[in-house]
Amino acid sequence: MNRFVVAETAVIDAPLGRVWDVISRTDRYAEWVAGAIEVTDHHGIAEVGKTYAERNRTLGPLRARSVWTVKEIEPFKRRVDTGTGFTPLQDVTNIFEFRPVQSADGREATEMLYQVEYTIGLGPLGLLLDSIQQPAMRAGMRTSMANLNTLLRSEASRTAL
């Protein structure tokens, strides 16, 4: 089986603490993760060893039910979860990494790395499927980070009123 790594990076227009507050809330994933239709089971704030479940969009009209386990948390730096339910993808690992940066106008912002690692079986057919799904996965990652940015800006504008 081949191991694949897909990663995208974006700058979120919010301080690291606000970004961390939202990504730590497993119950909020459907608000910003492009492929999450709904979170069906969660534990609120992410804790190592705890699980949460989602209904997800996958490729095209396909849907999946996933279960994620929080494997690693380095507060304000890194979070690693493993997931099941994405056949034919196996050994799925979701990694978020963060670092504080400044926006062009000097405000606090956050650089976010969104990375997914996985294996895929099925021999040559798996490689073909991966060549189709990988661009969609990348687009979903970019959309998720844009959604997170929009969500945080929206919440900041509401609290500023």
C-alpha atoms as a PDB file:
ATOM      1  CA  MET A   1       0.000   0.000   0.000  1.00  0.00           C
ATOM      2  CA  ASN A   2       1.129   3.504  -0.762  1.00  0.00           C
ATOM      3  CA  ARG A   3       1.214   6.251   1.882  1.00  0.00           C
ATOM      4  CA  PHE A   4       0.056   9.679   0.728  1.00  0.00           C
ATOM      5  CA  VAL A   5       0.357  13.121   2.297  1.00  0.00           C
ATOM      6  CA  VAL A   6      -1.860  15.998   1.197  1.00  0.00           C
ATOM      7  CA  ALA A   7      -1.329  19.415   2.765  1.00  0.00           C
ATOM      8  CA  GLU A   8      -2.536  22.976   2.358  1.00  0.00           C
ATOM      9  CA  THR A   9      -1.595  26.113   4.275  1.00  0.00           C
ATOM     10  CA  ALA A  10      -3.531  29.336   4.800  1.00  0.00           C
ATOM     11  CA  VAL A  11      -3.379  32.434   6.927  1.00  0.00           C
ATOM     12  CA  ILE A  12      -6.420  32.841   9.167  1.00  0.00           C
ATOM     13  CA  ASP A  13      -7.252  36.460   9.975  1.00  0.00           C
ATOM     14  CA  ALA A  14      -7.582  35.873  13.719  1.00  0.00           C
ATOM     15  CA  PRO A  15      -5.248  35.541  16.697  1.00  0.00           C
ATOM     16  CA  LEU A  16      -3.984  32.049  17.469  1.00  0.00           C
ATOM     17  CA  GLY A  17      -6.058  31.825  20.668  1.00  0.00           C
ATOM     18  CA  ARG A  18      -9.340  32.353  18.781  1.00  0.00           C
ATOM     19  CA  VAL A  19      -8.384  29.850  16.082  1.00  0.00           C
ATOM     20  CA  TRP A  20      -7.418  27.292  18.718  1.00  0.00           C
ATOM     21  CA  ASP A  21     -10.705  27.837  20.592  1.00  0.00           C
ATOM     22  CA  VAL A  22     -12.737  26.904  17.507  1.00  0.00           C
ATOM     23  CA  ILE A  23     -10.661  23.997  16.183  1.00  0.00           C
ATOM     24  CA  SER A  24     -10.593  22.482  19.668  1.00  0.00           C
ATOM     25  CA  ARG A  25     -14.386  22.223  19.690  1.00  0.00           C
ATOM     26  CA  THR A  26     -15.258  18.923  18.019  1.00  0.00           C
ATOM     27  CA  ASP A  27     -18.948  19.898  18.151  1.00  0.00           C
ATOM     28  CA  ARG A  28     -18.272  22.861  15.800  1.00  0.00           C
ATOM     29  CA  TYR A  29     -16.653  20.989  12.897  1.00  0.00           C
ATOM     30  CA  ALA A  30     -19.751  21.087  10.682  1.00  0.00           C
ATOM     31  CA  GLU A  31     -19.596  24.895  10.916  1.00  0.00           C
ATOM     32  CA  TRP A  32     -16.307  25.101   9.051  1.00  0.00           C
ATOM     33  CA  VAL A  33     -14.994  21.736   7.775  1.00  0.00           C
ATOM     34  CA  ALA A  34     -16.058  21.536   4.133  1.00  0.00           C
ATOM     35  CA  GLY A  35     -16.679  17.777   4.114  1.00  0.00           C
ATOM     36  CA  ALA A  36     -18.537  17.587   7.437  1.00  0.00           C
ATOM     37  CA  ILE A  37     -22.314  17.500   6.982  1.00  0.00           C
ATOM     38  CA  GLU A  38     -22.945  17.085  10.698  1.00  0.00           C
ATOM     39  CA  VAL A  39     -21.206  16.053  13.874  1.00  0.00           C
ATOM     40  CA  THR A  40     -23.256  13.152  15.197  1.00  0.00           C
ATOM     41  CA  ASP A  41     -21.339  12.454  18.407  1.00  0.00           C
ATOM     42  CA  HIS A  42     -18.801  14.631  20.164  1.00  0.00           C
ATOM     43  CA  HIS A  43     -17.168  15.406  23.459  1.00  0.00           C
ATOM     44  CA  GLY A  44     -16.975  19.198  23.130  1.00  0.00           C
ATOM     45  CA  ILE A  45     -13.381  20.238  23.743  1.00  0.00           C
ATOM     46  CA  ALA A  46     -10.873  17.870  22.131  1.00  0.00           C
ATOM     47  CA  GLU A  47      -9.117  15.551  24.594  1.00  0.00           C
ATOM     48  CA  VAL A  48      -6.495  12.936  23.810  1.00  0.00           C
ATOM     49  CA  GLY A  49      -8.118   9.507  23.589  1.00  0.00           C
ATOM     50  CA  LYS A  50     -11.670  10.823  23.062  1.00  0.00           C
ATOM     51  CA  THR A  51     -13.666  10.205  19.888  1.00  0.00           C
ATOM     52  CA  TYR A  52     -16.173  12.137  17.802  1.00  0.00           C
ATOM     53  CA  ALA A  53     -18.257  11.076  14.812  1.00  0.00           C
ATOM     54  CA  GLU A  54     -19.408  12.829  11.645  1.00  0.00           C
ATOM     55  CA  ARG A  55     -21.457  12.359   8.527  1.00  0.00           C
ATOM     56  CA  ASN A  56     -19.239  13.461   5.642  1.00  0.00           C
ATOM     57  CA  ARG A  57     -19.289  14.299   1.966  1.00  0.00           C
ATOM     58  CA  THR A  58     -16.556  12.419   0.152  1.00  0.00           C
ATOM     59  CA  LEU A  59     -16.059  12.245  -3.613  1.00  0.00           C
ATOM     60  CA  GLY A  60     -18.991  13.565  -5.652  1.00  0.00           C
ATOM     61  CA  PRO A  61     -22.305  12.280  -4.323  1.00  0.00           C
ATOM     62  CA  LEU A  62     -20.684   9.737  -1.999  1.00  0.00           C
ATOM     63  CA  ARG A  63     -21.247  10.039   1.747  1.00  0.00           C
ATOM     64  CA  ALA A  64     -19.428   8.472   4.676  1.00  0.00           C
ATOM     65  CA  ARG A  65     -19.783   8.087   8.409  1.00  0.00           C
ATOM     66  CA  SER A  66     -16.475   8.705  10.099  1.00  0.00           C
ATOM     67  CA  VAL A  67     -15.194   8.228  13.622  1.00  0.00           C
ATOM     68  CA  TRP A  68     -12.188  10.257  14.755  1.00  0.00           C
ATOM     69  CA  THR A  69      -9.907   9.719  17.742  1.00  0.00           C
ATOM     70  CA  VAL A  70      -7.860  12.580  19.155  1.00  0.00           C
ATOM     71  CA  LYS A  71      -4.272  11.275  19.292  1.00  0.00           C
ATOM     72  CA  GLU A  72      -2.135  14.286  20.118  1.00  0.00           C
ATOM     73  CA  ILE A  73      -2.604  17.837  21.370  1.00  0.00           C
ATOM     74  CA  GLU A  74       0.122  20.454  21.733  1.00  0.00           C
ATOM     75  CA  PRO A  75      -1.959  23.451  22.816  1.00  0.00           C
ATOM     76  CA  PHE A  76      -1.832  26.344  20.361  1.00  0.00           C
ATOM     77  CA  LYS A  77       0.580  24.403  18.107  1.00  0.00           C
ATOM     78  CA  ARG A  78      -0.619  21.030  16.878  1.00  0.00           C
ATOM     79  CA  ARG A  79      -3.500  18.607  16.914  1.00  0.00           C
ATOM     80  CA  VAL A  80      -3.498  15.083  15.446  1.00  0.00           C
ATOM     81  CA  ASP A  81      -6.600  12.905  14.997  1.00  0.00           C
ATOM     82  CA  THR A  82      -6.974   9.501  13.319  1.00  0.00           C
ATOM     83  CA  GLY A  83     -10.124   8.578  11.442  1.00  0.00           C
ATOM     84  CA  THR A  84     -11.981   5.592  10.074  1.00  0.00           C
ATOM     85  CA  GLY A  85     -14.865   5.306   7.623  1.00  0.00           C
ATOM     86  CA  PHE A  86     -13.319   6.719   4.441  1.00  0.00           C
ATOM     87  CA  THR A  87     -13.046   3.553   2.334  1.00  0.00           C
ATOM     88  CA  PRO A  88     -10.899   3.013   0.289  1.00  0.00           C
ATOM     89  CA  LEU A  89      -8.677   5.390   2.306  1.00  0.00           C
ATOM     90  CA  GLN A  90      -7.156   3.688   5.326  1.00  0.00           C
ATOM     91  CA  ASP A  91      -4.962   4.747   8.241  1.00  0.00           C
ATOM     92  CA  VAL A  92      -6.260   8.318   7.890  1.00  0.00           C
ATOM     93  CA  THR A  93      -4.474  10.900  10.035  1.00  0.00           C
ATOM     94  CA  ASN A  94      -5.593  14.513  10.185  1.00  0.00           C
ATOM     95  CA  ILE A  95      -2.999  17.069  11.335  1.00  0.00           C
ATOM     96  CA  PHE A  96      -3.545  20.737  12.143  1.00  0.00           C
ATOM     97  CA  GLU A  97      -0.507  22.883  12.914  1.00  0.00           C
ATOM     98  CA  PHE A  98      -0.532  26.572  13.846  1.00  0.00           C
ATOM     99  CA  ARG A  99       1.854  29.436  14.304  1.00  0.00           C
ATOM    100  CA  PRO A 100       1.202  33.086  15.059  1.00  0.00           C
ATOM    101  CA  VAL A 101       1.936  35.564  12.260  1.00  0.00           C
ATOM    102  CA  GLN A 102       1.062  39.168  11.489  1.00  0.00           C
ATOM    103  CA  SER A 103      -1.268  40.249   8.718  1.00  0.00           C
ATOM    104  CA  ALA A 104      -0.078  42.807   6.164  1.00  0.00           C
ATOM    105  CA  ASP A 105      -1.620  45.574   8.279  1.00  0.00           C
ATOM    106  CA  GLY A 106       0.112  44.392  11.459  1.00  0.00           C
ATOM    107  CA  ARG A 107      -2.778  42.554  13.132  1.00  0.00           C
ATOM    108  CA  GLU A 108      -2.420  39.179  14.825  1.00  0.00           C
ATOM    109  CA  ALA A 109      -3.147  36.303  12.469  1.00  0.00           C
ATOM    110  CA  THR A 110      -2.513  32.561  12.388  1.00  0.00           C
ATOM    111  CA  GLU A 111      -0.819  30.399   9.799  1.00  0.00           C
ATOM    112  CA  MET A 112      -2.599  27.048   9.630  1.00  0.00           C
ATOM    113  CA  LEU A 113      -1.316  23.841   8.086  1.00  0.00           C
ATOM    114  CA  TYR A 114      -4.054  21.314   7.302  1.00  0.00           C
ATOM    115  CA  GLN A 115      -2.545  17.933   6.431  1.00  0.00           C
ATOM    116  CA  VAL A 116      -4.069  14.519   5.793  1.00  0.00           C
ATOM    117  CA  GLU A 117      -1.998  11.341   5.634  1.00  0.00           C
ATOM    118  CA  TYR A 118      -3.470   8.031   4.490  1.00  0.00           C
ATOM    119  CA  THR A 119      -2.905   4.772   2.688  1.00  0.00           C
ATOM    120  CA  ILE A 120      -5.007   3.460  -0.125  1.00  0.00           C
ATOM    121  CA  GLY A 121      -5.244  -0.128  -1.254  1.00  0.00           C
ATOM    122  CA  LEU A 122      -6.666  -1.610  -4.447  1.00  0.00           C
ATOM    123  CA  GLY A 123      -3.344  -1.579  -6.351  1.00  0.00           C
ATOM    124  CA  PRO A 124      -3.406   0.390  -9.618  1.00  0.00           C
ATOM    125  CA  LEU A 125      -7.121   1.118  -9.160  1.00  0.00           C
ATOM    126  CA  GLY A 126      -6.326   2.772  -5.815  1.00  0.00           C
ATOM    127  CA  LEU A 127      -3.723   4.976  -7.479  1.00  0.00           C
ATOM    128  CA  LEU A 128      -6.276   5.995 -10.109  1.00  0.00           C
ATOM    129  CA  LEU A 129      -8.891   6.767  -7.441  1.00  0.00           C
ATOM    130  CA  ASP A 130      -6.335   8.783  -5.517  1.00  0.00           C
ATOM    131  CA  SER A 131      -5.485  10.872  -8.576  1.00  0.00           C
ATOM    132  CA  ILE A 132      -9.185  11.772  -8.762  1.00  0.00           C
ATOM    133  CA  GLN A 133      -9.848  12.353  -5.062  1.00  0.00           C
ATOM    134  CA  GLN A 134      -6.661  14.237  -4.165  1.00  0.00           C
ATOM    135  CA  PRO A 135      -7.564  17.502  -6.009  1.00  0.00           C
ATOM    136  CA  ALA A 136     -10.988  17.421  -4.340  1.00  0.00           C
ATOM    137  CA  MET A 137      -9.345  16.838  -0.946  1.00  0.00           C
ATOM    138  CA  ARG A 138      -7.038  19.828  -1.485  1.00  0.00           C
ATOM    139  CA  ALA A 139      -9.966  22.014  -2.517  1.00  0.00           C
ATOM    140  CA  GLY A 140     -11.884  20.888   0.584  1.00  0.00           C
ATOM    141  CA  MET A 141      -8.943  21.792   2.813  1.00  0.00           C
ATOM    142  CA  ARG A 142      -8.698  25.271   1.267  1.00  0.00           C
ATOM    143  CA  THR A 143     -12.460  25.728   1.595  1.00  0.00           C
ATOM    144  CA  SER A 144     -12.366  24.567   5.225  1.00  0.00           C
ATOM    145  CA  MET A 145      -9.697  27.101   6.123  1.00  0.00           C
ATOM    146  CA  ALA A 146     -11.571  29.865   4.262  1.00  0.00           C
ATOM    147  CA  ASN A 147     -14.750  28.846   6.137  1.00  0.00           C
ATOM    148  CA  LEU A 148     -12.855  28.987   9.437  1.00  0.00           C
ATOM    149  CA  ASN A 149     -11.565  32.450   8.549  1.00  0.00           C
ATOM    150  CA  THR A 150     -15.089  33.649   7.695  1.00  0.00           C
ATOM    151  CA  LEU A 151     -16.553  32.120  10.866  1.00  0.00           C
ATOM    152  CA  LEU A 152     -13.952  33.775  13.079  1.00  0.00           C
ATOM    153  CA  ARG A 153     -14.347  37.172  11.374  1.00  0.00           C
ATOM    154  CA  SER A 154     -18.120  36.899  11.734  1.00  0.00           C
ATOM    155  CA  GLU A 155     -17.857  36.063  15.449  1.00  0.00           C
ATOM    156  CA  ALA A 156     -15.349  38.895  15.975  1.00  0.00           C
ATOM    157  CA  SER A 157     -17.670  41.412  14.327  1.00  0.00           C
ATOM    158  CA  ARG A 158     -20.607  40.263  16.494  1.00  0.00           C
ATOM    159  CA  THR A 159     -18.609  40.611  19.703  1.00  0.00           C
ATOM    160  CA  ALA A 160     -17.358  44.053  18.628  1.00  0.00           C
ATOM    161  CA  LEU A 161     -20.922  45.413  18.459  1.00  0.00           C
END
